N, C-alpha and C. Protein backbone atom coordinates (compact mmCIF):
# COMPACT_ATOMS: atom_id res chain seq x y z
N MET A 1 110.46 111.22 108.40
CA MET A 1 110.24 111.09 107.17
C MET A 1 110.52 109.76 107.01
N ASN A 2 110.00 109.02 105.92
CA ASN A 2 110.19 107.54 105.43
C ASN A 2 111.54 107.59 104.90
N ALA A 3 112.31 106.61 105.20
CA ALA A 3 113.84 106.60 104.58
C ALA A 3 113.69 106.34 103.07
N GLN A 4 112.96 105.54 102.75
CA GLN A 4 112.67 105.47 101.12
C GLN A 4 112.20 106.75 100.31
N ASP A 5 111.43 107.45 101.08
CA ASP A 5 110.87 108.81 100.59
C ASP A 5 112.33 109.84 100.23
N MET A 6 113.19 109.70 101.38
CA MET A 6 114.32 110.51 101.64
C MET A 6 115.16 110.16 100.31
N ASP A 7 115.44 108.81 100.25
CA ASP A 7 116.41 108.32 99.12
C ASP A 7 115.66 108.76 97.83
N GLN A 8 114.52 108.61 97.50
CA GLN A 8 113.80 109.04 96.04
C GLN A 8 114.19 110.38 96.02
N ARG A 9 114.23 111.30 97.00
CA ARG A 9 114.33 113.00 96.67
C ARG A 9 115.59 113.03 96.89
N GLY A 10 116.82 112.25 97.02
CA GLY A 10 118.14 112.60 97.28
C GLY A 10 118.31 113.59 98.85
N ILE A 11 117.58 113.32 99.50
CA ILE A 11 117.61 113.81 100.93
C ILE A 11 118.37 113.04 101.97
N GLU A 12 119.55 113.64 102.41
CA GLU A 12 120.25 112.86 103.50
C GLU A 12 119.94 113.29 104.87
N GLU A 13 120.18 112.24 105.77
CA GLU A 13 119.98 112.35 107.24
C GLU A 13 120.60 113.59 107.70
N GLY A 14 119.91 114.44 108.30
CA GLY A 14 120.58 115.51 109.14
C GLY A 14 120.78 116.83 108.17
N LYS A 15 120.41 116.87 106.58
CA LYS A 15 120.75 117.72 106.12
C LYS A 15 119.61 118.62 105.93
N PRO A 16 119.67 119.85 105.76
CA PRO A 16 118.33 120.85 105.61
C PRO A 16 117.60 120.61 104.60
N VAL A 17 116.25 120.56 104.90
CA VAL A 17 115.10 120.58 103.85
C VAL A 17 114.25 121.83 104.11
N LYS A 18 113.45 122.30 103.23
CA LYS A 18 112.38 123.09 103.07
C LYS A 18 111.06 122.41 103.25
N VAL A 19 110.23 122.63 104.19
CA VAL A 19 108.70 121.97 104.33
C VAL A 19 107.86 123.14 104.32
N ARG A 20 106.93 122.90 103.30
CA ARG A 20 106.05 124.19 103.07
C ARG A 20 104.66 123.54 102.88
N THR A 21 103.93 124.44 103.60
CA THR A 21 102.28 124.14 103.36
C THR A 21 101.76 125.56 102.73
N SER A 22 100.41 125.49 102.62
CA SER A 22 99.93 126.70 102.12
C SER A 22 99.90 128.14 102.94
N THR A 23 100.22 127.71 104.10
CA THR A 23 100.32 128.92 105.17
C THR A 23 101.94 129.33 105.45
N GLY A 24 102.67 128.49 105.17
CA GLY A 24 104.36 128.80 105.46
C GLY A 24 105.06 127.80 105.28
N THR A 25 106.48 128.46 105.30
CA THR A 25 107.67 127.58 104.84
C THR A 25 108.86 127.63 106.12
N VAL A 26 109.26 126.42 106.30
CA VAL A 26 110.28 126.25 107.51
C VAL A 26 111.45 125.51 106.94
N GLU A 27 112.59 125.74 107.27
CA GLU A 27 114.05 124.70 106.97
C GLU A 27 114.23 124.18 108.41
N VAL A 28 114.19 122.69 108.20
CA VAL A 28 114.48 122.03 109.44
C VAL A 28 115.64 120.87 108.85
N PRO A 29 116.21 120.03 109.88
CA PRO A 29 117.18 119.06 109.23
C PRO A 29 116.18 117.81 109.16
N ALA A 30 116.54 117.04 108.09
CA ALA A 30 115.79 115.88 107.60
C ALA A 30 116.13 114.60 108.79
N ARG A 31 115.14 113.94 109.25
CA ARG A 31 115.40 112.83 110.03
C ARG A 31 114.42 111.71 109.62
N SER A 32 114.96 110.49 109.36
CA SER A 32 114.40 109.28 108.97
C SER A 32 113.72 108.77 110.22
N GLY A 33 112.53 108.03 109.99
CA GLY A 33 111.94 107.27 111.12
C GLY A 33 110.93 106.25 110.35
N GLU A 34 110.32 105.69 111.42
CA GLU A 34 109.58 104.39 110.74
C GLU A 34 108.15 104.88 110.75
N LEU A 35 107.80 105.49 109.40
CA LEU A 35 106.74 106.13 108.94
C LEU A 35 106.21 105.43 107.82
N PRO A 36 105.01 105.42 107.33
CA PRO A 36 104.71 104.84 105.92
C PRO A 36 105.17 105.99 104.99
N PRO A 37 105.30 105.21 103.74
CA PRO A 37 105.73 106.29 102.56
C PRO A 37 104.69 107.50 102.61
N GLY A 38 105.13 108.66 102.29
CA GLY A 38 104.30 109.70 102.04
C GLY A 38 103.74 110.42 103.23
N LEU A 39 104.26 109.91 104.42
CA LEU A 39 103.95 110.62 105.66
C LEU A 39 105.34 111.11 106.14
N VAL A 40 104.87 112.66 106.81
CA VAL A 40 106.13 112.99 107.49
C VAL A 40 105.49 113.52 108.81
N PHE A 41 106.43 113.66 109.79
CA PHE A 41 106.12 114.03 111.24
C PHE A 41 107.05 115.17 111.64
N MET A 42 106.25 116.12 112.32
CA MET A 42 107.00 117.28 113.02
C MET A 42 106.52 117.40 114.37
N PRO A 43 107.37 117.37 115.43
CA PRO A 43 106.72 117.85 116.77
C PRO A 43 105.96 119.27 116.69
N LEU A 44 105.13 119.17 117.69
CA LEU A 44 104.59 120.68 117.88
C LEU A 44 105.62 121.39 118.60
N GLY A 45 105.22 122.60 118.07
CA GLY A 45 106.20 123.76 118.70
C GLY A 45 106.40 124.91 117.63
N PRO A 46 107.22 125.85 117.94
CA PRO A 46 107.19 126.99 117.06
C PRO A 46 107.42 126.83 115.57
N THR A 47 108.39 125.81 115.36
CA THR A 47 108.40 125.45 113.96
C THR A 47 107.38 124.95 113.34
N ALA A 48 106.56 123.97 114.02
CA ALA A 48 105.39 123.51 113.30
C ALA A 48 104.24 124.47 113.12
N ASN A 49 104.18 125.49 114.07
CA ASN A 49 103.19 126.36 114.26
C ASN A 49 103.34 127.32 113.21
N ALA A 50 104.46 127.41 112.37
CA ALA A 50 104.51 128.18 111.26
C ALA A 50 104.12 127.74 110.19
N LEU A 51 103.70 126.38 110.04
CA LEU A 51 102.99 125.66 108.89
C LEU A 51 101.51 125.52 109.16
N ILE A 52 101.23 125.70 110.39
CA ILE A 52 99.76 125.35 110.77
C ILE A 52 98.80 126.41 110.30
N GLY A 53 99.20 127.55 110.58
CA GLY A 53 98.07 128.56 110.15
C GLY A 53 97.28 128.68 111.60
N THR A 54 96.31 129.68 111.28
CA THR A 54 95.56 130.30 112.56
C THR A 54 93.89 129.93 112.49
N ASP A 55 93.48 129.44 111.25
CA ASP A 55 92.21 129.05 111.02
C ASP A 55 91.76 127.84 111.82
N THR A 56 90.86 128.05 112.50
CA THR A 56 90.40 126.74 113.27
C THR A 56 88.94 126.31 113.13
N ASP A 57 88.44 126.78 111.86
CA ASP A 57 86.86 126.41 111.56
C ASP A 57 85.89 126.30 112.96
N ALA A 58 86.20 127.52 113.54
CA ALA A 58 85.41 127.73 114.81
C ALA A 58 85.34 126.60 115.93
N THR A 59 86.36 125.73 115.78
CA THR A 59 86.68 124.77 116.92
C THR A 59 87.64 125.05 118.04
N GLY A 60 88.38 126.26 117.65
CA GLY A 60 89.27 126.62 118.78
C GLY A 60 90.68 125.76 118.64
N ILE A 61 90.69 124.85 117.83
CA ILE A 61 92.01 123.99 117.76
C ILE A 61 92.33 123.86 116.33
N PRO A 62 93.50 124.44 116.16
CA PRO A 62 94.22 124.55 114.65
C PRO A 62 94.36 123.07 114.39
N PRO A 63 94.28 122.84 112.87
CA PRO A 63 94.56 121.58 112.34
C PRO A 63 95.93 121.00 112.15
N PHE A 64 96.16 120.23 113.45
CA PHE A 64 97.50 119.76 113.41
C PHE A 64 97.72 118.62 112.58
N LYS A 65 96.81 117.86 112.26
CA LYS A 65 97.13 116.79 111.45
C LYS A 65 96.40 116.72 110.08
N GLY A 66 97.01 116.10 109.31
CA GLY A 66 96.42 115.96 107.83
C GLY A 66 96.73 117.04 107.14
N LEU A 67 97.75 117.71 107.44
CA LEU A 67 98.20 118.88 106.37
C LEU A 67 99.12 118.31 105.15
N GLU A 68 98.69 118.98 104.03
CA GLU A 68 99.67 118.66 102.70
C GLU A 68 100.94 119.28 102.95
N VAL A 69 101.90 118.83 102.76
CA VAL A 69 103.08 119.60 102.82
C VAL A 69 104.01 119.08 101.23
N GLU A 70 104.91 120.05 101.16
CA GLU A 70 105.95 119.88 100.15
C GLU A 70 107.24 119.62 100.95
N VAL A 71 108.20 118.83 100.49
CA VAL A 71 109.36 118.99 101.21
C VAL A 71 110.53 118.76 100.09
N GLU A 72 111.44 119.50 100.33
CA GLU A 72 112.50 119.80 99.13
C GLU A 72 113.97 119.87 99.95
N LEU A 73 114.89 120.04 99.07
CA LEU A 73 116.16 120.22 99.51
C LEU A 73 116.22 121.68 99.69
N ALA A 74 116.81 122.18 100.98
CA ALA A 74 117.02 123.39 101.08
C ALA A 74 118.40 123.95 100.37
């Protein structure tokens, strides 16, 4: 997550945050990185899969990018 975005939300490095999409919610430790403001990154894996959902719009590939998320303190 962008460090300025973390500061604005009172999120500290390594502290748990809830990340929510229309499909699901997960709790993960917050990490700052060199990302543009408003952008968050999560590596692929079981935790990210809980946020992605199963609808592939007939492509066979879930929408891994461009998801709208909400991030808040856990």
